[in-house]
Amino acid sequence: MRLRIVLLALVLGAGGLAADRKADSKTAGGAPNGVPAAAVRVDATTWRYTDPRGQVWIYRRTPFGMMKIEEKPAAPVKAAPKPVTKVVEEGDHLRFERRTPFGMQRWVRKKTDLTAEERQIWEEASAPKEAAKPSTEERKK
């Protein structure tokens, strides 16, 4: 009997503490203390608020308390530059060379066995040579 009373007291006490904590962390508008009542809930720990000047603020609950940061537009993502690859023709083979953080990478491939990337590199490397040569009409002038 005594054990039942102790367990009942623990359950009721824990429930009362949880209700007190919930009441302390909420304001009348449903947002936690420190978050404006007009803030819109984004997820369980984040609210979004636009102030009268039009500035947008993000309120986030962290283990250390509420955090307020200004929302800024995301910066455009820049594409990584293509690595510079040299191509040398050796008969019916092509020798590729590319500098990497781990040193020079070299490989040889038959012209008939090129991958799409290697074919593109080969076409780009061979195109300027053809464009640099003057045409026969230009040589006559």
N, C-alpha and C. Protein backbone atom coordinates (compact mmCIF):
# COMPACT_ATOMS: atom_id res chain seq x y z
N MET A 1 0.81 -1.19 0.00
CA MET A 1 0.00 0.00 0.00
C MET A 1 0.87 1.26 0.00
N ARG A 2 1.88 1.22 0.80
CA ARG A 2 2.78 2.36 0.89
C ARG A 2 3.49 2.61 -0.44
N LEU A 3 3.86 1.54 -1.12
CA LEU A 3 4.53 1.63 -2.41
C LEU A 3 3.60 2.28 -3.43
N ARG A 4 2.32 1.95 -3.42
CA ARG A 4 1.36 2.53 -4.34
C ARG A 4 1.23 4.04 -4.12
N ILE A 5 1.22 4.46 -2.89
CA ILE A 5 1.09 5.88 -2.58
C ILE A 5 2.33 6.63 -3.07
N VAL A 6 3.50 6.06 -2.87
CA VAL A 6 4.75 6.69 -3.32
C VAL A 6 4.76 6.79 -4.84
N LEU A 7 4.38 5.72 -5.53
CA LEU A 7 4.35 5.75 -6.99
C LEU A 7 3.33 6.76 -7.51
N LEU A 8 2.16 6.82 -6.87
CA LEU A 8 1.14 7.78 -7.27
C LEU A 8 1.64 9.22 -7.09
N ALA A 9 2.32 9.47 -6.01
CA ALA A 9 2.87 10.80 -5.74
C ALA A 9 3.92 11.17 -6.78
N LEU A 10 4.77 10.20 -7.16
CA LEU A 10 5.79 10.46 -8.18
C LEU A 10 5.16 10.78 -9.53
N VAL A 11 4.16 10.01 -9.92
CA VAL A 11 3.51 10.23 -11.22
C VAL A 11 2.83 11.59 -11.25
N LEU A 12 2.09 11.92 -10.21
CA LEU A 12 1.40 13.21 -10.17
C LEU A 12 2.39 14.37 -10.10
N GLY A 13 3.45 14.20 -9.35
CA GLY A 13 4.47 15.24 -9.25
C GLY A 13 5.17 15.47 -10.57
N ALA A 14 5.50 14.40 -11.29
CA ALA A 14 6.16 14.53 -12.59
C ALA A 14 5.23 15.20 -13.59
N GLY A 15 3.95 14.84 -13.57
CA GLY A 15 2.98 15.48 -14.46
C GLY A 15 2.83 16.95 -14.16
N GLY A 16 2.81 17.30 -12.89
CA GLY A 16 2.70 18.71 -12.50
C GLY A 16 3.91 19.51 -12.92
N LEU A 17 5.10 18.94 -12.81
CA LEU A 17 6.33 19.63 -13.23
C LEU A 17 6.32 19.86 -14.74
N ALA A 18 5.90 18.85 -15.48
CA ALA A 18 5.86 18.98 -16.94
C ALA A 18 4.88 20.08 -17.34
N ALA A 19 3.75 20.17 -16.70
CA ALA A 19 2.76 21.22 -17.02
C ALA A 19 3.31 22.59 -16.68
N ASP A 20 4.04 22.71 -15.55
CA ASP A 20 4.64 23.99 -15.17
C ASP A 20 5.67 24.43 -16.20
N ARG A 21 6.50 23.50 -16.64
CA ARG A 21 7.53 23.84 -17.64
C ARG A 21 6.88 24.28 -18.94
N LYS A 22 5.83 23.58 -19.35
CA LYS A 22 5.15 23.92 -20.60
C LYS A 22 4.55 25.32 -20.49
N ALA A 23 3.95 25.64 -19.36
CA ALA A 23 3.34 26.95 -19.16
C ALA A 23 4.39 28.04 -19.13
N ASP A 24 5.56 27.77 -18.56
CA ASP A 24 6.63 28.77 -18.49
C ASP A 24 7.22 29.07 -19.86
N SER A 25 7.29 28.06 -20.73
CA SER A 25 7.97 28.25 -22.00
C SER A 25 7.05 28.80 -23.09
N LYS A 26 5.77 28.97 -22.80
CA LYS A 26 4.84 29.48 -23.81
C LYS A 26 4.31 30.84 -23.40
N THR A 27 4.03 31.66 -24.42
CA THR A 27 3.36 32.93 -24.17
C THR A 27 1.90 32.75 -24.57
N ALA A 28 1.14 33.80 -24.52
CA ALA A 28 -0.28 33.70 -24.84
C ALA A 28 -0.50 33.30 -26.30
N GLY A 29 0.40 33.70 -27.23
CA GLY A 29 0.24 33.40 -28.64
C GLY A 29 0.67 32.01 -29.03
N GLY A 30 1.19 31.23 -28.14
CA GLY A 30 1.62 29.88 -28.45
C GLY A 30 3.10 29.76 -28.76
N ALA A 31 3.80 30.87 -28.90
CA ALA A 31 5.23 30.84 -29.16
C ALA A 31 5.98 30.92 -27.83
N PRO A 32 7.19 30.39 -27.75
CA PRO A 32 7.94 30.46 -26.51
C PRO A 32 8.32 31.90 -26.16
N ASN A 33 8.76 32.10 -24.95
CA ASN A 33 9.21 33.43 -24.53
C ASN A 33 10.34 33.91 -25.43
N GLY A 34 10.31 35.17 -25.80
CA GLY A 34 11.35 35.74 -26.64
C GLY A 34 10.99 35.74 -28.11
N VAL A 35 9.92 35.01 -28.49
CA VAL A 35 9.49 34.96 -29.88
C VAL A 35 8.23 35.81 -30.00
N PRO A 36 8.16 36.74 -30.96
CA PRO A 36 6.97 37.56 -31.11
C PRO A 36 5.72 36.69 -31.36
N ALA A 37 4.59 37.16 -30.88
CA ALA A 37 3.35 36.40 -31.01
C ALA A 37 2.94 36.21 -32.47
N ALA A 38 3.34 37.12 -33.36
CA ALA A 38 2.97 37.04 -34.77
C ALA A 38 3.89 36.12 -35.57
N ALA A 39 4.87 35.52 -34.92
CA ALA A 39 5.81 34.65 -35.62
C ALA A 39 5.09 33.39 -36.12
N VAL A 40 5.53 32.92 -37.28
CA VAL A 40 4.96 31.73 -37.89
C VAL A 40 5.88 30.56 -37.60
N ARG A 41 5.31 29.47 -37.12
CA ARG A 41 6.11 28.29 -36.78
C ARG A 41 6.51 27.56 -38.07
N VAL A 42 7.82 27.32 -38.23
CA VAL A 42 8.34 26.62 -39.40
C VAL A 42 8.45 25.14 -39.11
N ASP A 43 9.03 24.79 -37.97
CA ASP A 43 9.10 23.40 -37.52
C ASP A 43 9.08 23.40 -36.00
N ALA A 44 9.45 22.28 -35.39
CA ALA A 44 9.31 22.14 -33.94
C ALA A 44 10.17 23.13 -33.16
N THR A 45 11.28 23.59 -33.73
CA THR A 45 12.19 24.48 -32.99
C THR A 45 12.47 25.80 -33.69
N THR A 46 11.74 26.11 -34.76
CA THR A 46 12.04 27.29 -35.56
C THR A 46 10.78 28.11 -35.84
N TRP A 47 10.91 29.44 -35.73
CA TRP A 47 9.85 30.37 -36.05
C TRP A 47 10.39 31.42 -36.99
N ARG A 48 9.52 31.97 -37.84
CA ARG A 48 9.90 33.00 -38.80
C ARG A 48 9.03 34.22 -38.54
N TYR A 49 9.66 35.39 -38.45
CA TYR A 49 8.93 36.62 -38.12
C TYR A 49 9.41 37.76 -39.02
N THR A 50 8.45 38.52 -39.57
CA THR A 50 8.76 39.70 -40.36
C THR A 50 8.39 40.91 -39.52
N ASP A 51 9.37 41.76 -39.23
CA ASP A 51 9.11 42.92 -38.38
C ASP A 51 8.46 44.04 -39.20
N PRO A 52 8.02 45.11 -38.55
CA PRO A 52 7.33 46.20 -39.27
C PRO A 52 8.17 46.86 -40.37
N ARG A 53 9.48 46.80 -40.28
CA ARG A 53 10.34 47.38 -41.32
C ARG A 53 10.52 46.44 -42.51
N GLY A 54 9.97 45.23 -42.44
CA GLY A 54 10.08 44.27 -43.53
C GLY A 54 11.26 43.33 -43.41
N GLN A 55 12.00 43.43 -42.34
CA GLN A 55 13.16 42.56 -42.13
C GLN A 55 12.67 41.22 -41.59
N VAL A 56 13.20 40.13 -42.12
CA VAL A 56 12.76 38.79 -41.73
C VAL A 56 13.75 38.21 -40.73
N TRP A 57 13.22 37.70 -39.63
CA TRP A 57 14.04 37.11 -38.58
C TRP A 57 13.66 35.66 -38.37
N ILE A 58 14.66 34.85 -38.06
CA ILE A 58 14.46 33.44 -37.74
C ILE A 58 14.76 33.28 -36.26
N TYR A 59 13.82 32.71 -35.53
CA TYR A 59 14.00 32.40 -34.11
C TYR A 59 14.13 30.89 -34.01
N ARG A 60 15.18 30.43 -33.35
CA ARG A 60 15.42 28.99 -33.24
C ARG A 60 15.73 28.64 -31.79
N ARG A 61 15.05 27.60 -31.30
CA ARG A 61 15.30 27.13 -29.94
C ARG A 61 16.53 26.22 -29.98
N THR A 62 17.51 26.53 -29.16
CA THR A 62 18.72 25.73 -29.05
C THR A 62 18.84 25.23 -27.61
N PRO A 63 19.77 24.33 -27.34
CA PRO A 63 19.96 23.88 -25.96
C PRO A 63 20.40 25.01 -25.03
N PHE A 64 20.86 26.11 -25.59
CA PHE A 64 21.35 27.23 -24.80
C PHE A 64 20.36 28.37 -24.71
N GLY A 65 19.17 28.21 -25.26
CA GLY A 65 18.15 29.24 -25.24
C GLY A 65 17.73 29.60 -26.65
N MET A 66 16.95 30.68 -26.75
CA MET A 66 16.46 31.13 -28.05
C MET A 66 17.56 31.89 -28.80
N MET A 67 17.62 31.67 -30.11
CA MET A 67 18.60 32.34 -30.95
C MET A 67 17.84 33.11 -32.03
N LYS A 68 18.25 34.34 -32.29
CA LYS A 68 17.60 35.18 -33.29
C LYS A 68 18.64 35.53 -34.36
N ILE A 69 18.33 35.18 -35.62
CA ILE A 69 19.24 35.51 -36.71
C ILE A 69 18.44 36.12 -37.86
N GLU A 70 19.07 36.98 -38.61
CA GLU A 70 18.42 37.61 -39.75
C GLU A 70 18.42 36.64 -40.92
N GLU A 71 17.29 36.55 -41.60
CA GLU A 71 17.21 35.68 -42.79
C GLU A 71 17.77 36.45 -43.97
N LYS A 72 18.73 35.87 -44.64
CA LYS A 72 19.34 36.50 -45.81
C LYS A 72 19.14 35.57 -47.00
N PRO A 73 19.03 36.13 -48.21
CA PRO A 73 18.88 35.28 -49.38
C PRO A 73 20.11 34.39 -49.57
N ALA A 74 19.88 33.20 -50.03
CA ALA A 74 20.98 32.25 -50.24
C ALA A 74 21.88 32.75 -51.36
N ALA A 75 23.18 32.62 -51.15
CA ALA A 75 24.14 33.02 -52.17
C ALA A 75 24.09 32.00 -53.31
N PRO A 76 24.24 32.46 -54.55
CA PRO A 76 24.22 31.52 -55.66
C PRO A 76 25.41 30.56 -55.58
N VAL A 77 25.14 29.32 -55.91
CA VAL A 77 26.18 28.30 -55.85
C VAL A 77 27.00 28.37 -57.13
N LYS A 78 28.30 28.50 -56.95
CA LYS A 78 29.19 28.56 -58.11
C LYS A 78 29.61 27.14 -58.49
N ALA A 79 29.64 26.89 -59.78
CA ALA A 79 30.07 25.59 -60.25
C ALA A 79 31.59 25.48 -60.10
N ALA A 80 32.04 24.31 -59.73
CA ALA A 80 33.48 24.09 -59.58
C ALA A 80 34.14 24.16 -60.95
N PRO A 81 35.29 24.80 -61.05
CA PRO A 81 35.95 24.89 -62.35
C PRO A 81 36.43 23.50 -62.80
N LYS A 82 36.40 23.32 -64.11
CA LYS A 82 36.88 22.04 -64.64
C LYS A 82 38.39 21.96 -64.43
N PRO A 83 38.89 20.79 -64.07
CA PRO A 83 40.34 20.66 -63.95
C PRO A 83 40.98 20.75 -65.34
N VAL A 84 42.14 21.38 -65.39
CA VAL A 84 42.85 21.52 -66.66
C VAL A 84 43.49 20.18 -67.00
N THR A 85 43.13 19.66 -68.15
CA THR A 85 43.65 18.37 -68.59
C THR A 85 44.38 18.56 -69.91
N LYS A 86 45.63 18.12 -69.95
CA LYS A 86 46.41 18.17 -71.19
C LYS A 86 46.22 16.85 -71.92
N VAL A 87 46.16 16.94 -73.25
CA VAL A 87 46.00 15.75 -74.08
C VAL A 87 47.12 15.74 -75.12
N VAL A 88 47.80 14.60 -75.22
CA VAL A 88 48.86 14.43 -76.21
C VAL A 88 48.51 13.22 -77.07
N GLU A 89 48.53 13.43 -78.39
CA GLU A 89 48.20 12.34 -79.30
C GLU A 89 49.46 11.52 -79.57
N GLU A 90 49.35 10.23 -79.40
CA GLU A 90 50.47 9.31 -79.64
C GLU A 90 49.96 8.18 -80.52
N GLY A 91 49.92 8.42 -81.83
CA GLY A 91 49.41 7.40 -82.76
C GLY A 91 47.92 7.22 -82.58
N ASP A 92 47.51 5.96 -82.30
CA ASP A 92 46.08 5.71 -82.11
C ASP A 92 45.69 5.76 -80.62
N HIS A 93 46.61 6.29 -79.78
CA HIS A 93 46.36 6.45 -78.35
C HIS A 93 46.40 7.94 -77.98
N LEU A 94 45.74 8.27 -76.90
CA LEU A 94 45.79 9.62 -76.35
C LEU A 94 46.30 9.52 -74.93
N ARG A 95 47.24 10.42 -74.58
CA ARG A 95 47.77 10.46 -73.22
C ARG A 95 47.19 11.69 -72.53
N PHE A 96 46.51 11.47 -71.41
CA PHE A 96 45.87 12.54 -70.64
C PHE A 96 46.71 12.82 -69.39
N GLU A 97 46.82 14.10 -69.03
CA GLU A 97 47.54 14.50 -67.81
C GLU A 97 46.71 15.56 -67.10
N ARG A 98 46.52 15.35 -65.81
CA ARG A 98 45.73 16.28 -65.00
C ARG A 98 46.39 16.43 -63.64
N ARG A 99 46.57 17.67 -63.20
CA ARG A 99 47.14 17.93 -61.87
C ARG A 99 46.03 17.81 -60.84
N THR A 100 46.29 17.04 -59.78
CA THR A 100 45.34 16.87 -58.67
C THR A 100 46.05 17.24 -57.37
N PRO A 101 45.31 17.34 -56.28
CA PRO A 101 45.95 17.64 -54.99
C PRO A 101 46.94 16.56 -54.56
N PHE A 102 46.83 15.38 -55.15
CA PHE A 102 47.70 14.28 -54.77
C PHE A 102 48.83 14.06 -55.76
N GLY A 103 49.00 14.99 -56.70
CA GLY A 103 50.07 14.87 -57.69
C GLY A 103 49.48 14.77 -59.09
N MET A 104 50.35 14.53 -60.04
CA MET A 104 49.95 14.45 -61.43
C MET A 104 49.25 13.12 -61.70
N GLN A 105 48.10 13.19 -62.34
CA GLN A 105 47.37 11.98 -62.72
C GLN A 105 47.56 11.80 -64.22
N ARG A 106 48.01 10.63 -64.64
CA ARG A 106 48.26 10.36 -66.06
C ARG A 106 47.57 9.05 -66.43
N TRP A 107 47.01 9.03 -67.65
CA TRP A 107 46.44 7.79 -68.15
C TRP A 107 46.44 7.84 -69.67
N VAL A 108 46.43 6.64 -70.26
CA VAL A 108 46.48 6.50 -71.72
C VAL A 108 45.23 5.72 -72.13
N ARG A 109 44.62 6.16 -73.25
CA ARG A 109 43.40 5.51 -73.71
C ARG A 109 43.43 5.45 -75.23
N LYS A 110 42.94 4.35 -75.80
CA LYS A 110 42.80 4.26 -77.26
C LYS A 110 41.73 5.25 -77.71
N LYS A 111 41.89 5.79 -78.92
CA LYS A 111 40.93 6.74 -79.43
C LYS A 111 39.54 6.11 -79.58
N THR A 112 39.49 4.83 -79.82
CA THR A 112 38.21 4.16 -79.99
C THR A 112 37.54 3.83 -78.65
N ASP A 113 38.29 3.88 -77.55
CA ASP A 113 37.75 3.51 -76.24
C ASP A 113 37.53 4.71 -75.31
N LEU A 114 37.41 5.91 -75.85
CA LEU A 114 37.27 7.11 -75.02
C LEU A 114 35.90 7.15 -74.35
N THR A 115 35.90 7.66 -73.12
CA THR A 115 34.64 7.92 -72.44
C THR A 115 34.09 9.25 -72.96
N ALA A 116 32.86 9.58 -72.58
CA ALA A 116 32.25 10.84 -73.04
C ALA A 116 33.07 12.04 -72.57
N GLU A 117 33.52 12.00 -71.31
CA GLU A 117 34.32 13.11 -70.78
C GLU A 117 35.65 13.22 -71.52
N GLU A 118 36.32 12.10 -71.76
CA GLU A 118 37.61 12.13 -72.46
C GLU A 118 37.42 12.60 -73.90
N ARG A 119 36.34 12.18 -74.54
CA ARG A 119 36.07 12.62 -75.91
C ARG A 119 35.86 14.14 -75.94
N GLN A 120 35.14 14.67 -74.97
CA GLN A 120 34.92 16.11 -74.90
C GLN A 120 36.24 16.85 -74.68
N ILE A 121 37.08 16.35 -73.80
CA ILE A 121 38.39 16.96 -73.54
C ILE A 121 39.22 16.95 -74.82
N TRP A 122 39.20 15.84 -75.53
CA TRP A 122 39.98 15.71 -76.77
C TRP A 122 39.47 16.69 -77.82
N GLU A 123 38.15 16.82 -77.97
CA GLU A 123 37.59 17.74 -78.95
C GLU A 123 37.93 19.19 -78.61
N GLU A 124 37.86 19.54 -77.33
CA GLU A 124 38.20 20.91 -76.92
C GLU A 124 39.68 21.20 -77.12
N ALA A 125 40.53 20.19 -76.87
CA ALA A 125 41.97 20.40 -77.03
C ALA A 125 42.36 20.49 -78.50
N SER A 126 41.67 19.77 -79.36
CA SER A 126 42.03 19.79 -80.78
C SER A 126 41.36 20.93 -81.54
N ALA A 127 40.27 21.47 -81.06
CA ALA A 127 39.55 22.54 -81.76
C ALA A 127 40.37 23.82 -81.89
N PRO A 128 41.02 24.33 -80.84
CA PRO A 128 41.77 25.58 -81.00
C PRO A 128 42.89 25.48 -82.02
N LYS A 129 43.50 24.31 -82.16
CA LYS A 129 44.59 24.15 -83.13
C LYS A 129 44.07 24.36 -84.54
N GLU A 130 42.89 23.82 -84.83
CA GLU A 130 42.32 23.96 -86.16
C GLU A 130 41.89 25.40 -86.40
N ALA A 131 41.34 26.05 -85.38
CA ALA A 131 40.87 27.43 -85.54
C ALA A 131 42.05 28.39 -85.67
N ALA A 132 43.19 28.07 -85.10
CA ALA A 132 44.34 28.95 -85.14
C ALA A 132 45.00 28.94 -86.51
N LYS A 133 44.84 27.85 -87.26
CA LYS A 133 45.45 27.78 -88.59
C LYS A 133 44.68 28.68 -89.55
N PRO A 134 45.38 29.47 -90.37
CA PRO A 134 44.68 30.29 -91.36
C PRO A 134 44.13 29.40 -92.48
N SER A 135 42.98 29.75 -93.00
CA SER A 135 42.39 28.98 -94.09
C SER A 135 43.20 29.20 -95.37
N THR A 136 42.94 28.36 -96.36
CA THR A 136 43.69 28.47 -97.62
C THR A 136 43.39 29.80 -98.31
N GLU A 137 42.18 30.32 -98.17
CA GLU A 137 41.82 31.59 -98.78
C GLU A 137 42.59 32.74 -98.11
N GLU A 138 42.78 32.65 -96.79
CA GLU A 138 43.49 33.70 -96.08
C GLU A 138 44.98 33.67 -96.43
N ARG A 139 45.50 32.48 -96.71
CA ARG A 139 46.94 32.37 -97.05
C ARG A 139 47.21 33.00 -98.43
N LYS A 140 46.24 32.94 -99.34
CA LYS A 140 46.42 33.48 -100.68
C LYS A 140 46.48 35.00 -100.66
N LYS A 141 45.83 35.60 -99.70
CA LYS A 141 45.78 37.08 -99.66
C LYS A 141 47.06 37.66 -99.23
